[in-house]
Amino acid sequence: MAYRDHIIQEGTESTETVMLYTLSTCIWCRKTKKLLTELGLGYSYIDVDLLDEDDQDEVMAEVEKHNPASSFPTLVVNEGEKVILGFEEGEIRDLT
């Protein structure tokens, strides 16, 4: 689980655990980060493409548990209680 050292925390702690899996080059991933910040939601994220191969494999196994298609962004709330695939602005706003 060495990839956990690369997880970045944004915003303040919240009652929900929000984990965002992204690619550094993905515009929809950047829009999702921006929206979460604008809404004042605390979240953690990891840019999967910036990890070394072993860490990428580990993270992708985690992503595939929630998103078999392995698309980005993948937003996991409360360890899978809710999963939002892609930039779904309405669903993200409903988290507030």
PDB file of N, CA and C in Angstrom:
ATOM      1  N   MET A   1       0.818  -1.195   0.000  1.00  0.00           N
ATOM      2  CA  MET A   1       0.000   0.000   0.000  1.00  0.00           C
ATOM      3  C   MET A   1       0.864   1.261   0.000  1.00  0.00           C
ATOM      4  N   ALA A   2       1.990   1.197  -0.676  1.00  0.00           N
ATOM      5  CA  ALA A   2       2.897   2.341  -0.708  1.00  0.00           C
ATOM      6  C   ALA A   2       2.274   3.543  -1.414  1.00  0.00           C
ATOM      7  N   TYR A   3       1.314   3.299  -2.291  1.00  0.00           N
ATOM      8  CA  TYR A   3       0.693   4.412  -3.005  1.00  0.00           C
ATOM      9  C   TYR A   3       0.009   5.378  -2.053  1.00  0.00           C
ATOM     10  N   ARG A   4      -0.384   4.923  -0.889  1.00  0.00           N
ATOM     11  CA  ARG A   4      -1.079   5.787   0.078  1.00  0.00           C
ATOM     12  C   ARG A   4      -0.222   6.991   0.466  1.00  0.00           C
ATOM     13  N   ASP A   5       1.092   6.881   0.360  1.00  0.00           N
ATOM     14  CA  ASP A   5       1.984   8.013   0.643  1.00  0.00           C
ATOM     15  C   ASP A   5       1.799   9.146  -0.363  1.00  0.00           C
ATOM     16  N   HIS A   6       1.176   8.862  -1.507  1.00  0.00           N
ATOM     17  CA  HIS A   6       0.999   9.842  -2.573  1.00  0.00           C
ATOM     18  C   HIS A   6      -0.385  10.493  -2.563  1.00  0.00           C
ATOM     19  N   ILE A   7      -1.232  10.096  -1.636  1.00  0.00           N
ATOM     20  CA  ILE A   7      -2.578  10.667  -1.552  1.00  0.00           C
ATOM     21  C   ILE A   7      -2.478  12.076  -0.987  1.00  0.00           C
ATOM     22  N   ILE A   8      -3.161  13.004  -1.631  1.00  0.00           N
ATOM     23  CA  ILE A   8      -3.143  14.408  -1.226  1.00  0.00           C
ATOM     24  C   ILE A   8      -4.496  14.764  -0.614  1.00  0.00           C
ATOM     25  N   GLN A   9      -4.464  15.421   0.534  1.00  0.00           N
ATOM     26  CA  GLN A   9      -5.684  15.862   1.228  1.00  0.00           C
ATOM     27  C   GLN A   9      -5.954  17.315   0.853  1.00  0.00           C
ATOM     28  N   GLU A  10      -7.183  17.594   0.444  1.00  0.00           N
ATOM     29  CA  GLU A  10      -7.602  18.955   0.104  1.00  0.00           C
ATOM     30  C   GLU A  10      -8.768  19.360   0.988  1.00  0.00           C
ATOM     31  N   GLY A  11      -8.796  20.611   1.387  1.00  0.00           N
ATOM     32  CA  GLY A  11      -9.921  21.117   2.169  1.00  0.00           C
ATOM     33  C   GLY A  11      -9.901  20.609   3.591  1.00  0.00           C
ATOM     34  N   THR A  12     -11.010  20.801   4.249  1.00  0.00           N
ATOM     35  CA  THR A  12     -11.120  20.426   5.652  1.00  0.00           C
ATOM     36  C   THR A  12     -11.714  19.035   5.787  1.00  0.00           C
ATOM     37  N   GLU A  13     -11.517  18.459   6.940  1.00  0.00           N
ATOM     38  CA  GLU A  13     -12.105  17.153   7.229  1.00  0.00           C
ATOM     39  C   GLU A  13     -13.622  17.263   7.125  1.00  0.00           C
ATOM     40  N   SER A  14     -14.273  16.229   6.694  1.00  0.00           N
ATOM     41  CA  SER A  14     -15.730  16.225   6.633  1.00  0.00           C
ATOM     42  C   SER A  14     -16.256  14.945   7.274  1.00  0.00           C
ATOM     43  N   THR A  15     -17.540  14.884   7.445  1.00  0.00           N
ATOM     44  CA  THR A  15     -18.139  13.697   8.049  1.00  0.00           C
ATOM     45  C   THR A  15     -18.097  12.517   7.093  1.00  0.00           C
ATOM     46  N   GLU A  16     -17.943  12.790   5.809  1.00  0.00           N
ATOM     47  CA  GLU A  16     -17.849  11.727   4.816  1.00  0.00           C
ATOM     48  C   GLU A  16     -16.399  11.603   4.344  1.00  0.00           C
ATOM     49  N   THR A  17     -16.020  10.399   4.001  1.00  0.00           N
ATOM     50  CA  THR A  17     -14.715  10.162   3.420  1.00  0.00           C
ATOM     51  C   THR A  17     -14.878  10.239   1.909  1.00  0.00           C
ATOM     52  N   VAL A  18     -14.178  11.168   1.279  1.00  0.00           N
ATOM     53  CA  VAL A  18     -14.281  11.360  -0.161  1.00  0.00           C
ATOM     54  C   VAL A  18     -12.904  11.120  -0.770  1.00  0.00           C
ATOM     55  N   MET A  19     -12.804  10.080  -1.603  1.00  0.00           N
ATOM     56  CA  MET A  19     -11.552   9.738  -2.274  1.00  0.00           C
ATOM     57  C   MET A  19     -11.762   9.870  -3.773  1.00  0.00           C
ATOM     58  N   LEU A  20     -10.872  10.623  -4.415  1.00  0.00           N
ATOM     59  CA  LEU A  20     -10.957  10.894  -5.841  1.00  0.00           C
ATOM     60  C   LEU A  20      -9.742  10.308  -6.540  1.00  0.00           C
ATOM     61  N   TYR A  21      -9.986   9.433  -7.495  1.00  0.00           N
ATOM     62  CA  TYR A  21      -8.925   8.841  -8.312  1.00  0.00           C
ATOM     63  C   TYR A  21      -8.911   9.586  -9.639  1.00  0.00           C
ATOM     64  N   THR A  22      -7.755  10.141 -10.008  1.00  0.00           N
ATOM     65  CA  THR A  22      -7.667  11.007 -11.177  1.00  0.00           C
ATOM     66  C   THR A  22      -6.439  10.696 -12.028  1.00  0.00           C
ATOM     67  N   LEU A  23      -6.412  11.342 -13.189  1.00  0.00           N
ATOM     68  CA  LEU A  23      -5.224  11.395 -14.039  1.00  0.00           C
ATOM     69  C   LEU A  23      -4.808  12.858 -14.107  1.00  0.00           C
ATOM     70  N   SER A  24      -3.522  13.120 -14.049  1.00  0.00           N
ATOM     71  CA  SER A  24      -3.039  14.497 -14.026  1.00  0.00           C
ATOM     72  C   SER A  24      -3.361  15.257 -15.312  1.00  0.00           C
ATOM     73  N   THR A  25      -3.572  14.554 -16.402  1.00  0.00           N
ATOM     74  CA  THR A  25      -3.818  15.188 -17.699  1.00  0.00           C
ATOM     75  C   THR A  25      -5.296  15.292 -18.063  1.00  0.00           C
ATOM     76  N   CYS A  26      -6.171  14.823 -17.189  1.00  0.00           N
ATOM     77  CA  CYS A  26      -7.605  14.724 -17.481  1.00  0.00           C
ATOM     78  C   CYS A  26      -8.333  16.014 -17.120  1.00  0.00           C
ATOM     79  N   ILE A  27      -8.945  16.662 -18.098  1.00  0.00           N
ATOM     80  CA  ILE A  27      -9.678  17.907 -17.837  1.00  0.00           C
ATOM     81  C   ILE A  27     -10.867  17.674 -16.922  1.00  0.00           C
ATOM     82  N   TRP A  28     -11.548  16.532 -17.064  1.00  0.00           N
ATOM     83  CA  TRP A  28     -12.713  16.248 -16.221  1.00  0.00           C
ATOM     84  C   TRP A  28     -12.294  16.007 -14.776  1.00  0.00           C
ATOM     85  N   CYS A  29     -11.111  15.453 -14.602  1.00  0.00           N
ATOM     86  CA  CYS A  29     -10.569  15.264 -13.253  1.00  0.00           C
ATOM     87  C   CYS A  29     -10.282  16.621 -12.611  1.00  0.00           C
ATOM     88  N   ARG A  30      -9.688  17.525 -13.384  1.00  0.00           N
ATOM     89  CA  ARG A  30      -9.411  18.877 -12.855  1.00  0.00           C
ATOM     90  C   ARG A  30     -10.702  19.608 -12.530  1.00  0.00           C
ATOM     91  N   LYS A  31     -11.717  19.459 -13.370  1.00  0.00           N
ATOM     92  CA  LYS A  31     -13.012  20.101 -13.100  1.00  0.00           C
ATOM     93  C   LYS A  31     -13.637  19.531 -11.827  1.00  0.00           C
ATOM     94  N   THR A  32     -13.499  18.245 -11.609  1.00  0.00           N
ATOM     95  CA  THR A  32     -14.045  17.625 -10.408  1.00  0.00           C
ATOM     96  C   THR A  32     -13.336  18.166  -9.166  1.00  0.00           C
ATOM     97  N   LYS A  33     -12.007  18.250  -9.207  1.00  0.00           N
ATOM     98  CA  LYS A  33     -11.258  18.812  -8.079  1.00  0.00           C
ATOM     99  C   LYS A  33     -11.699  20.243  -7.800  1.00  0.00           C
ATOM    100  N   LYS A  34     -11.829  21.022  -8.856  1.00  0.00           N
ATOM    101  CA  LYS A  34     -12.220  22.425  -8.701  1.00  0.00           C
ATOM    102  C   LYS A  34     -13.610  22.538  -8.071  1.00  0.00           C
ATOM    103  N   LEU A  35     -14.555  21.728  -8.542  1.00  0.00           N
ATOM    104  CA  LEU A  35     -15.907  21.774  -8.008  1.00  0.00           C
ATOM    105  C   LEU A  35     -15.935  21.359  -6.536  1.00  0.00           C
ATOM    106  N   LEU A  36     -15.234  20.308  -6.183  1.00  0.00           N
ATOM    107  CA  LEU A  36     -15.183  19.876  -4.791  1.00  0.00           C
ATOM    108  C   LEU A  36     -14.631  20.994  -3.899  1.00  0.00           C
ATOM    109  N   THR A  37     -13.603  21.670  -4.377  1.00  0.00           N
ATOM    110  CA  THR A  37     -13.014  22.783  -3.634  1.00  0.00           C
ATOM    111  C   THR A  37     -13.994  23.938  -3.511  1.00  0.00           C
ATOM    112  N   GLU A  38     -14.654  24.289  -4.618  1.00  0.00           N
ATOM    113  CA  GLU A  38     -15.639  25.380  -4.597  1.00  0.00           C
ATOM    114  C   GLU A  38     -16.779  25.085  -3.630  1.00  0.00           C
ATOM    115  N   LEU A  39     -17.163  23.814  -3.533  1.00  0.00           N
ATOM    116  CA  LEU A  39     -18.257  23.416  -2.641  1.00  0.00           C
ATOM    117  C   LEU A  39     -17.802  23.308  -1.187  1.00  0.00           C
ATOM    118  N   GLY A  40     -16.501  23.433  -0.966  1.00  0.00           N
ATOM    119  CA  GLY A  40     -15.974  23.354   0.388  1.00  0.00           C
ATOM    120  C   GLY A  40     -15.929  21.949   0.953  1.00  0.00           C
ATOM    121  N   LEU A  41     -15.954  20.957   0.081  1.00  0.00           N
ATOM    122  CA  LEU A  41     -15.901  19.564   0.521  1.00  0.00           C
ATOM    123  C   LEU A  41     -14.450  19.124   0.688  1.00  0.00           C
ATOM    124  N   GLY A  42     -14.139  18.579   1.841  1.00  0.00           N
ATOM    125  CA  GLY A  42     -12.816  18.009   2.022  1.00  0.00           C
ATOM    126  C   GLY A  42     -12.725  16.698   1.261  1.00  0.00           C
ATOM    127  N   TYR A  43     -11.610  16.465   0.624  1.00  0.00           N
ATOM    128  CA  TYR A  43     -11.436  15.222  -0.140  1.00  0.00           C
ATOM    129  C   TYR A  43      -9.963  14.883  -0.249  1.00  0.00           C
ATOM    130  N   SER A  44      -9.706  13.646  -0.564  1.00  0.00           N
ATOM    131  CA  SER A  44      -8.358  13.181  -0.856  1.00  0.00           C
ATOM    132  C   SER A  44      -8.328  12.773  -2.319  1.00  0.00           C
ATOM    133  N   TYR A  45      -7.162  12.901  -2.936  1.00  0.00           N
ATOM    134  CA  TYR A  45      -7.058  12.460  -4.331  1.00  0.00           C
ATOM    135  C   TYR A  45      -5.673  11.911  -4.607  1.00  0.00           C
ATOM    136  N   ILE A  46      -5.617  11.156  -5.685  1.00  0.00           N
ATOM    137  CA  ILE A  46      -4.345  10.638  -6.155  1.00  0.00           C
ATOM    138  C   ILE A  46      -4.359  10.652  -7.679  1.00  0.00           C
ATOM    139  N   ASP A  47      -3.291  11.189  -8.260  1.00  0.00           N
ATOM    140  CA  ASP A  47      -3.112  11.195  -9.717  1.00  0.00           C
ATOM    141  C   ASP A  47      -2.433   9.875 -10.086  1.00  0.00           C
ATOM    142  N   VAL A  48      -3.215   8.950 -10.568  1.00  0.00           N
ATOM    143  CA  VAL A  48      -2.752   7.587 -10.801  1.00  0.00           C
ATOM    144  C   VAL A  48      -1.604   7.535 -11.805  1.00  0.00           C
ATOM    145  N   ASP A  49      -1.655   8.379 -12.832  1.00  0.00           N
ATOM    146  CA  ASP A  49      -0.628   8.331 -13.874  1.00  0.00           C
ATOM    147  C   ASP A  49       0.737   8.827 -13.399  1.00  0.00           C
ATOM    148  N   LEU A  50       0.808   9.460 -12.251  1.00  0.00           N
ATOM    149  CA  LEU A  50       2.086   9.957 -11.736  1.00  0.00           C
ATOM    150  C   LEU A  50       2.786   8.955 -10.814  1.00  0.00           C
ATOM    151  N   LEU A  51       2.162   7.808 -10.602  1.00  0.00           N
ATOM    152  CA  LEU A  51       2.733   6.770  -9.746  1.00  0.00           C
ATOM    153  C   LEU A  51       3.633   5.843 -10.546  1.00  0.00           C
ATOM    154  N   ASP A  52       4.529   5.151  -9.843  1.00  0.00           N
ATOM    155  CA  ASP A  52       5.328   4.143 -10.546  1.00  0.00           C
ATOM    156  C   ASP A  52       4.431   2.938 -10.858  1.00  0.00           C
ATOM    157  N   GLU A  53       4.925   2.051 -11.665  1.00  0.00           N
ATOM    158  CA  GLU A  53       4.103   0.958 -12.197  1.00  0.00           C
ATOM    159  C   GLU A  53       3.491   0.080 -11.100  1.00  0.00           C
ATOM    160  N   ASP A  54       4.275  -0.280 -10.085  1.00  0.00           N
ATOM    161  CA  ASP A  54       3.749  -1.124  -9.013  1.00  0.00           C
ATOM    162  C   ASP A  54       2.624  -0.438  -8.263  1.00  0.00           C
ATOM    163  N   ASP A  55       2.810   0.856  -7.947  1.00  0.00           N
ATOM    164  CA  ASP A  55       1.769   1.608  -7.252  1.00  0.00           C
ATOM    165  C   ASP A  55       0.540   1.787  -8.134  1.00  0.00           C
ATOM    166  N   GLN A  56       0.752   1.999  -9.433  1.00  0.00           N
ATOM    167  CA  GLN A  56      -0.380   2.115 -10.359  1.00  0.00           C
ATOM    168  C   GLN A  56      -1.210   0.840 -10.356  1.00  0.00           C
ATOM    169  N   ASP A  57      -0.549  -0.295 -10.393  1.00  0.00           N
ATOM    170  CA  ASP A  57      -1.262  -1.577 -10.388  1.00  0.00           C
ATOM    171  C   ASP A  57      -2.097  -1.721  -9.121  1.00  0.00           C
ATOM    172  N   GLU A  58      -1.526  -1.321  -8.001  1.00  0.00           N
ATOM    173  CA  GLU A  58      -2.226  -1.416  -6.722  1.00  0.00           C
ATOM    174  C   GLU A  58      -3.445  -0.496  -6.683  1.00  0.00           C
ATOM    175  N   VAL A  59      -3.261   0.739  -7.157  1.00  0.00           N
ATOM    176  CA  VAL A  59      -4.362   1.703  -7.161  1.00  0.00           C
ATOM    177  C   VAL A  59      -5.443   1.260  -8.144  1.00  0.00           C
ATOM    178  N   MET A  60      -5.057   0.789  -9.308  1.00  0.00           N
ATOM    179  CA  MET A  60      -6.049   0.369 -10.293  1.00  0.00           C
ATOM    180  C   MET A  60      -6.884  -0.801  -9.777  1.00  0.00           C
ATOM    181  N   ALA A  61      -6.290  -1.684  -8.996  1.00  0.00           N
ATOM    182  CA  ALA A  61      -7.060  -2.768  -8.381  1.00  0.00           C
ATOM    183  C   ALA A  61      -8.106  -2.181  -7.437  1.00  0.00           C
ATOM    184  N   GLU A  62      -7.747  -1.124  -6.727  1.00  0.00           N
ATOM    185  CA  GLU A  62      -8.691  -0.447  -5.831  1.00  0.00           C
ATOM    186  C   GLU A  62      -9.793   0.244  -6.633  1.00  0.00           C
ATOM    187  N   VAL A  63      -9.424   0.937  -7.710  1.00  0.00           N
ATOM    188  CA  VAL A  63     -10.397   1.627  -8.554  1.00  0.00           C
ATOM    189  C   VAL A  63     -11.382   0.627  -9.146  1.00  0.00           C
ATOM    190  N   GLU A  64     -10.882  -0.500  -9.621  1.00  0.00           N
ATOM    191  CA  GLU A  64     -11.729  -1.499 -10.276  1.00  0.00           C
ATOM    192  C   GLU A  64     -12.776  -2.107  -9.336  1.00  0.00           C
ATOM    193  N   LYS A  65     -12.544  -2.042  -8.030  1.00  0.00           N
ATOM    194  CA  LYS A  65     -13.545  -2.513  -7.068  1.00  0.00           C
ATOM    195  C   LYS A  65     -14.819  -1.667  -7.165  1.00  0.00           C
ATOM    196  N   HIS A  66     -14.640  -0.394  -7.469  1.00  0.00           N
ATOM    197  CA  HIS A  66     -15.752   0.552  -7.518  1.00  0.00           C
ATOM    198  C   HIS A  66     -16.173   0.891  -8.940  1.00  0.00           C
ATOM    199  N   ASN A  67     -15.258   0.706  -9.884  1.00  0.00           N
ATOM    200  CA  ASN A  67     -15.480   1.122 -11.266  1.00  0.00           C
ATOM    201  C   ASN A  67     -14.810   0.114 -12.205  1.00  0.00           C
ATOM    202  N   PRO A  68     -15.507  -0.953 -12.558  1.00  0.00           N
ATOM    203  CA  PRO A  68     -14.909  -1.988 -13.409  1.00  0.00           C
ATOM    204  C   PRO A  68     -14.366  -1.463 -14.742  1.00  0.00           C
ATOM    205  N   ALA A  69     -14.916  -0.357 -15.230  1.00  0.00           N
ATOM    206  CA  ALA A  69     -14.431   0.208 -16.494  1.00  0.00           C
ATOM    207  C   ALA A  69     -13.138   0.990 -16.305  1.00  0.00           C
ATOM    208  N   SER A  70     -12.781   1.270 -15.063  1.00  0.00           N
ATOM    209  CA  SER A  70     -11.551   2.015 -14.742  1.00  0.00           C
ATOM    210  C   SER A  70     -11.467   3.353 -15.451  1.00  0.00           C
ATOM    211  N   SER A  71     -12.570   4.081 -15.468  1.00  0.00           N
ATOM    212  CA  SER A  71     -12.574   5.402 -16.094  1.00  0.00           C
ATOM    213  C   SER A  71     -12.268   6.467 -15.031  1.00  0.00           C
ATOM    214  N   PHE A  72     -11.912   7.641 -15.509  1.00  0.00           N
ATOM    215  CA  PHE A  72     -11.545   8.738 -14.608  1.00  0.00           C
ATOM    216  C   PHE A  72     -12.354   9.974 -14.938  1.00  0.00           C
ATOM    217  N   PRO A  73     -12.653  10.779 -13.931  1.00  0.00           N
ATOM    218  CA  PRO A  73     -12.397  10.574 -12.528  1.00  0.00           C
ATOM    219  C   PRO A  73     -13.341   9.533 -11.923  1.00  0.00           C
ATOM    220  N   THR A  74     -12.878   8.910 -10.857  1.00  0.00           N
ATOM    221  CA  THR A  74     -13.698   8.014 -10.055  1.00  0.00           C
ATOM    222  C   THR A  74     -13.723   8.587  -8.647  1.00  0.00           C
ATOM    223  N   LEU A  75     -14.908   8.920  -8.176  1.00  0.00           N
ATOM    224  CA  LEU A  75     -15.099   9.535  -6.869  1.00  0.00           C
ATOM    225  C   LEU A  75     -15.793   8.522  -5.962  1.00  0.00           C
ATOM    226  N   VAL A  76     -15.142   8.157  -4.876  1.00  0.00           N
ATOM    227  CA  VAL A  76     -15.660   7.137  -3.955  1.00  0.00           C
ATOM    228  C   VAL A  76     -15.971   7.806  -2.622  1.00  0.00           C
ATOM    229  N   VAL A  77     -17.221   7.715  -2.203  1.00  0.00           N
ATOM    230  CA  VAL A  77     -17.669   8.333  -0.961  1.00  0.00           C
ATOM    231  C   VAL A  77     -17.917   7.234   0.072  1.00  0.00           C
ATOM    232  N   ASN A  78     -17.367   7.446   1.262  1.00  0.00           N
ATOM    233  CA  ASN A  78     -17.549   6.503   2.374  1.00  0.00           C
ATOM    234  C   ASN A  78     -17.220   5.070   1.972  1.00  0.00           C
ATOM    235  N   GLU A  79     -16.053   4.915   1.350  1.00  0.00           N
ATOM    236  CA  GLU A  79     -15.521   3.598   0.979  1.00  0.00           C
ATOM    237  C   GLU A  79     -16.483   2.780   0.128  1.00  0.00           C
ATOM    238  N   GLY A  80     -17.197   3.450  -0.770  1.00  0.00           N
ATOM    239  CA  GLY A  80     -18.047   2.755  -1.729  1.00  0.00           C
ATOM    240  C   GLY A  80     -19.528   2.874  -1.479  1.00  0.00           C
ATOM    241  N   GLU A  81     -19.920   3.574  -0.419  1.00  0.00           N
ATOM    242  CA  GLU A  81     -21.344   3.796  -0.162  1.00  0.00           C
ATOM    243  C   GLU A  81     -21.988   4.484  -1.367  1.00  0.00           C
ATOM    244  N   LYS A  82     -21.239   5.406  -1.966  1.00  0.00           N
ATOM    245  CA  LYS A  82     -21.666   6.077  -3.193  1.00  0.00           C
ATOM    246  C   LYS A  82     -20.436   6.203  -4.087  1.00  0.00           C
ATOM    247  N   VAL A  83     -20.615   5.978  -5.379  1.00  0.00           N
ATOM    248  CA  VAL A  83     -19.531   6.106  -6.348  1.00  0.00           C
ATOM    249  C   VAL A  83     -20.042   6.965  -7.494  1.00  0.00           C
ATOM    250  N   ILE A  84     -19.255   7.975  -7.851  1.00  0.00           N
ATOM    251  CA  ILE A  84     -19.602   8.850  -8.975  1.00  0.00           C
ATOM    252  C   ILE A  84     -18.525   8.674 -10.033  1.00  0.00           C
ATOM    253  N   LEU A  85     -18.948   8.283 -11.230  1.00  0.00           N
ATOM    254  CA  LEU A  85     -18.021   8.059 -12.333  1.00  0.00           C
ATOM    255  C   LEU A  85     -18.100   9.223 -13.302  1.00  0.00           C
ATOM    256  N   GLY A  86     -16.960   9.784 -13.618  1.00  0.00           N
ATOM    257  CA  GLY A  86     -16.927  10.921 -14.524  1.00  0.00           C
ATOM    258  C   GLY A  86     -17.291  12.216 -13.807  1.00  0.00           C
ATOM    259  N   PHE A  87     -17.349  13.293 -14.571  1.00  0.00           N
ATOM    260  CA  PHE A  87     -17.719  14.598 -14.020  1.00  0.00           C
ATOM    261  C   PHE A  87     -19.234  14.722 -14.071  1.00  0.00           C
ATOM    262  N   GLU A  88     -19.870  14.359 -12.985  1.00  0.00           N
ATOM    263  CA  GLU A  88     -21.323  14.427 -12.863  1.00  0.00           C
ATOM    264  C   GLU A  88     -21.636  15.543 -11.871  1.00  0.00           C
ATOM    265  N   GLU A  89     -21.717  16.779 -12.387  1.00  0.00           N
ATOM    266  CA  GLU A  89     -21.822  17.949 -11.533  1.00  0.00           C
ATOM    267  C   GLU A  89     -22.988  17.869 -10.554  1.00  0.00           C
ATOM    268  N   GLY A  90     -24.160  17.463 -11.015  1.00  0.00           N
ATOM    269  CA  GLY A  90     -25.327  17.380 -10.149  1.00  0.00           C
ATOM    270  C   GLY A  90     -25.120  16.405  -9.004  1.00  0.00           C
ATOM    271  N   GLU A  91     -24.573  15.246  -9.300  1.00  0.00           N
ATOM    272  CA  GLU A  91     -24.324  14.243  -8.258  1.00  0.00           C
ATOM    273  C   GLU A  91     -23.292  14.736  -7.251  1.00  0.00           C
ATOM    274  N   ILE A  92     -22.282  15.441  -7.747  1.00  0.00           N
ATOM    275  CA  ILE A  92     -21.245  15.967  -6.853  1.00  0.00           C
ATOM    276  C   ILE A  92     -21.838  17.046  -5.958  1.00  0.00           C
ATOM    277  N   ARG A  93     -22.654  17.920  -6.531  1.00  0.00           N
ATOM    278  CA  ARG A  93     -23.299  18.968  -5.733  1.00  0.00           C
ATOM    279  C   ARG A  93     -24.220  18.373  -4.674  1.00  0.00           C
ATOM    280  N   ASP A  94     -24.814  17.240  -4.950  1.00  0.00           N
ATOM    281  CA  ASP A  94     -25.692  16.578  -3.981  1.00  0.00           C
ATOM    282  C   ASP A  94     -24.936  16.077  -2.749  1.00  0.00           C
ATOM    283  N   LEU A  95     -23.621  16.045  -2.803  1.00  0.00           N
ATOM    284  CA  LEU A  95     -22.833  15.604  -1.658  1.00  0.00           C
ATOM    285  C   LEU A  95     -22.814  16.642  -0.545  1.00  0.00           C
ATOM    286  N   THR A  96     -23.180  17.884  -0.868  1.00  0.00           N
ATOM    287  CA  THR A  96     -23.142  18.941   0.155  1.00  0.00           C
ATOM    288  C   THR A  96     -24.382  18.947   1.002  1.00  0.00           C
TER     289      THR A  96
END
